[in-house]
Amino acid sequence: MLYSLFSLITGLLGSLLLLRAYLWSLAISPRDPLVAFAWKLTDWLVNPVAYIVKPRGNWDWSTLASAFLVAVVEVIVMREVTGYPMTPLAYAVAPFAMVARWAIDLLIWGLIIYCVFSFIQSARYSGNMALLHTLVNPFLRPLRRFIPTIGRFDLTPIVLFIALNLALRFIVPLSMGMASL
């Protein structure tokens, strides 16, 4: 029970750190409420790491390093609490898989919210929908070249949703240290 709560908190924190890094890479305005939310909740962890790892180019490397650090802590605590046997290879792979898992979960939730908002007439033209479109469109755009729309119905979010869930089938065991590579 206690580990489940710890896993939930680290998962939310890791996802929020990845969201912060992604918002940075897209150069979303710092005045946007989502950016302010992500910054306020993660500054306590990112600022000390930023002294060691500086942001460069399009990615905030200190935020990504913080997400990786949270993943390492979760993997170590998971191993100690659950007693899962882990090989050295599993210790090396699990934090990367955990970060990938958080990124996929974040994208899945973004897709769900994007699809729900797209069906609500009043939400289609809101600033929130524009931000969601900016966040999700880079993942949908490559699929739109191959998957046609049916009338006004876009199938690409459904295809991406299914593909991401299939990817989770392989990543979740790796993130739990059950790598049999």
Protein backbone atom coordinates (compact mmCIF):
# COMPACT_ATOMS: atom_id res chain seq x y z
CA MET A 1 0.00 0.00 0.00
CA LEU A 2 2.73 2.43 0.98
CA TYR A 3 4.79 1.53 -2.09
CA SER A 4 1.73 2.10 -4.31
CA LEU A 5 1.39 5.61 -2.92
CA PHE A 6 5.12 6.21 -3.40
CA SER A 7 4.91 4.90 -6.97
CA LEU A 8 1.94 7.17 -7.69
CA ILE A 9 3.77 10.24 -6.38
CA THR A 10 6.98 9.47 -8.27
CA GLY A 11 4.99 8.71 -11.43
CA LEU A 12 3.16 12.03 -11.22
CA LEU A 13 6.38 13.90 -10.46
CA GLY A 14 8.25 12.17 -13.28
CA SER A 15 5.43 12.87 -15.73
CA LEU A 16 5.31 16.50 -14.64
CA LEU A 17 9.06 16.80 -15.17
CA LEU A 18 8.74 15.32 -18.66
CA LEU A 19 5.87 17.70 -19.40
CA ARG A 20 8.03 20.61 -18.26
CA ALA A 21 10.87 19.51 -20.56
CA TYR A 22 8.47 19.06 -23.47
CA LEU A 23 6.89 22.48 -22.92
CA TRP A 24 10.42 23.94 -22.90
CA SER A 25 11.26 22.19 -26.18
CA LEU A 26 8.14 23.61 -27.85
CA ALA A 27 8.94 27.11 -26.52
CA ILE A 28 5.50 27.53 -24.96
CA SER A 29 5.11 30.93 -23.30
CA PRO A 30 6.07 30.98 -19.61
CA ARG A 31 2.84 32.91 -18.98
CA ASP A 32 0.74 29.90 -19.97
CA PRO A 33 -0.97 28.43 -16.88
CA LEU A 34 0.21 24.88 -17.67
CA VAL A 35 3.83 26.04 -17.90
CA ALA A 36 3.52 27.98 -14.64
CA PHE A 37 1.95 24.93 -12.98
CA ALA A 38 4.74 22.62 -14.15
CA TRP A 39 7.44 25.10 -13.13
CA LYS A 40 6.05 25.78 -9.64
CA LEU A 41 5.64 22.11 -8.79
CA THR A 42 9.07 21.01 -10.05
CA ASP A 43 11.41 23.94 -9.37
CA TRP A 44 12.44 22.50 -6.00
CA LEU A 45 13.98 19.51 -7.78
CA VAL A 46 15.15 21.03 -11.06
CA ASN A 47 16.98 24.07 -9.65
CA PRO A 48 19.63 22.09 -7.70
CA VAL A 49 20.17 19.76 -10.67
CA ALA A 50 20.49 22.80 -12.97
CA TYR A 51 23.78 23.71 -11.25
CA ILE A 52 25.26 20.47 -12.57
CA VAL A 53 23.36 19.93 -15.84
CA LYS A 54 22.70 23.06 -17.88
CA PRO A 55 19.85 23.40 -20.38
CA ARG A 56 21.15 23.41 -23.95
CA GLY A 57 19.44 23.79 -27.27
CA ASN A 58 15.84 22.74 -27.52
CA TRP A 59 15.79 20.52 -24.44
CA ASP A 60 15.94 21.36 -20.76
CA TRP A 61 18.52 18.74 -19.82
CA SER A 62 18.37 19.57 -16.12
CA THR A 63 14.66 18.70 -16.10
CA LEU A 64 15.28 15.46 -18.00
CA ALA A 65 18.10 14.59 -15.59
CA SER A 66 15.72 15.25 -12.69
CA ALA A 67 13.15 12.90 -14.24
CA PHE A 68 15.84 10.25 -14.62
CA LEU A 69 16.91 10.78 -11.01
CA VAL A 70 13.31 10.25 -9.84
CA ALA A 71 13.16 7.08 -11.96
CA VAL A 72 16.38 5.75 -10.40
CA VAL A 73 15.00 6.39 -6.90
CA GLU A 74 11.75 4.64 -7.76
CA VAL A 75 13.55 1.61 -9.20
CA ILE A 76 15.76 1.29 -6.11
CA VAL A 77 12.81 1.66 -3.72
CA MET A 78 10.75 -0.77 -5.82
CA ARG A 79 13.52 -3.35 -5.61
CA GLU A 80 13.92 -2.95 -1.86
CA VAL A 81 10.19 -2.98 -1.06
CA THR A 82 8.97 -5.66 -3.44
CA GLY A 83 12.04 -7.87 -3.37
CA TYR A 84 11.95 -8.45 -7.13
CA PRO A 85 15.22 -10.06 -8.19
CA MET A 86 17.08 -7.70 -10.50
CA THR A 87 20.18 -8.27 -12.54
CA PRO A 88 22.70 -5.47 -13.06
CA LEU A 89 21.35 -5.15 -16.61
CA ALA A 90 17.84 -4.68 -15.22
CA TYR A 91 19.12 -1.96 -12.88
CA ALA A 92 20.60 -0.18 -15.89
CA VAL A 93 17.55 -0.56 -18.16
CA ALA A 94 14.73 0.00 -15.65
CA PRO A 95 15.17 3.78 -15.08
CA PHE A 96 15.22 4.47 -18.84
CA ALA A 97 12.16 2.28 -19.30
CA MET A 98 10.45 4.06 -16.39
CA VAL A 99 11.02 7.45 -18.03
CA ALA A 100 9.71 6.07 -21.34
CA ARG A 101 6.68 4.69 -19.51
CA TRP A 102 5.94 8.09 -17.97
CA ALA A 103 6.30 9.77 -21.36
CA ILE A 104 3.91 7.30 -22.99
CA ASP A 105 1.41 7.64 -20.14
CA LEU A 106 1.59 11.42 -20.46
CA LEU A 107 0.98 11.24 -24.20
CA ILE A 108 -1.93 8.83 -23.72
CA TRP A 109 -3.60 11.20 -21.26
CA GLY A 110 -2.94 14.12 -23.60
CA LEU A 111 -4.60 12.19 -26.44
CA ILE A 112 -7.63 11.36 -24.30
CA ILE A 113 -8.10 14.98 -23.25
CA TYR A 114 -7.51 16.14 -26.84
CA CYS A 115 -10.18 13.75 -28.16
CA VAL A 116 -12.71 14.73 -25.49
CA PHE A 117 -12.14 18.43 -26.14
CA SER A 118 -12.45 17.94 -29.88
CA PHE A 119 -16.01 16.64 -29.42
CA ILE A 120 -17.07 19.58 -27.22
CA GLN A 121 -18.15 22.39 -29.52
CA SER A 122 -17.34 25.25 -27.12
CA ALA A 123 -13.89 23.83 -26.28
CA ARG A 124 -12.76 23.53 -29.90
CA TYR A 125 -11.87 27.20 -30.17
CA SER A 126 -10.47 27.74 -26.68
CA GLY A 127 -6.89 28.47 -25.79
CA ASN A 128 -6.66 25.12 -24.02
CA MET A 129 -7.48 23.28 -27.23
CA ALA A 130 -4.83 25.26 -29.08
CA LEU A 131 -2.25 24.27 -26.46
CA LEU A 132 -3.35 20.62 -26.59
CA HIS A 133 -3.10 20.70 -30.37
CA THR A 134 0.43 22.09 -30.08
CA LEU A 135 1.40 19.34 -27.64
CA VAL A 136 -0.19 16.38 -29.45
CA ASN A 137 0.12 17.35 -33.12
CA PRO A 138 3.83 16.46 -33.52
CA PHE A 139 2.91 12.85 -32.76
CA LEU A 140 -0.23 12.81 -34.92
CA ARG A 141 1.20 14.59 -37.98
CA PRO A 142 3.31 11.64 -39.28
CA LEU A 143 0.31 9.32 -39.01
CA ARG A 144 -1.96 11.73 -40.87
CA ARG A 145 0.12 11.20 -44.02
CA PHE A 146 -0.94 7.55 -44.13
CA ILE A 147 -4.35 7.48 -42.43
CA PRO A 148 -7.14 9.37 -44.19
CA THR A 149 -9.96 11.09 -42.35
CA ILE A 150 -13.45 9.67 -42.66
CA GLY A 151 -15.64 12.70 -43.28
CA ARG A 152 -14.65 15.02 -40.44
CA PHE A 153 -13.56 12.16 -38.18
CA ASP A 154 -9.81 11.81 -37.66
CA LEU A 155 -8.66 8.25 -36.88
CA THR A 156 -5.04 9.10 -36.09
CA PRO A 157 -5.56 9.62 -32.32
CA ILE A 158 -7.13 6.15 -32.09
CA VAL A 159 -4.27 4.54 -34.04
CA LEU A 160 -1.68 6.34 -31.92
CA PHE A 161 -3.54 5.38 -28.73
CA ILE A 162 -3.48 1.69 -29.72
CA ALA A 163 0.21 1.86 -30.72
CA LEU A 164 1.16 3.51 -27.43
CA ASN A 165 -0.72 0.89 -25.43
CA LEU A 166 1.08 -1.85 -27.35
CA ALA A 167 4.39 -0.15 -26.57
CA LEU A 168 3.47 -0.10 -22.89
CA ARG A 169 3.08 -3.88 -22.99
CA PHE A 170 6.82 -4.14 -23.61
CA ILE A 171 8.02 -1.17 -21.57
CA VAL A 172 6.18 -1.84 -18.28
CA PRO A 173 8.02 -5.12 -17.54
CA LEU A 174 11.33 -3.43 -18.36
CA SER A 175 10.49 -0.53 -16.04
CA MET A 176 9.85 -3.01 -13.23
CA GLY A 177 13.26 -4.59 -13.71
CA MET A 178 11.94 -7.77 -15.27
CA ALA A 179 14.26 -7.52 -18.22
CA SER A 180 15.10 -10.83 -19.78
CA LEU A 181 17.26 -9.36 -22.49
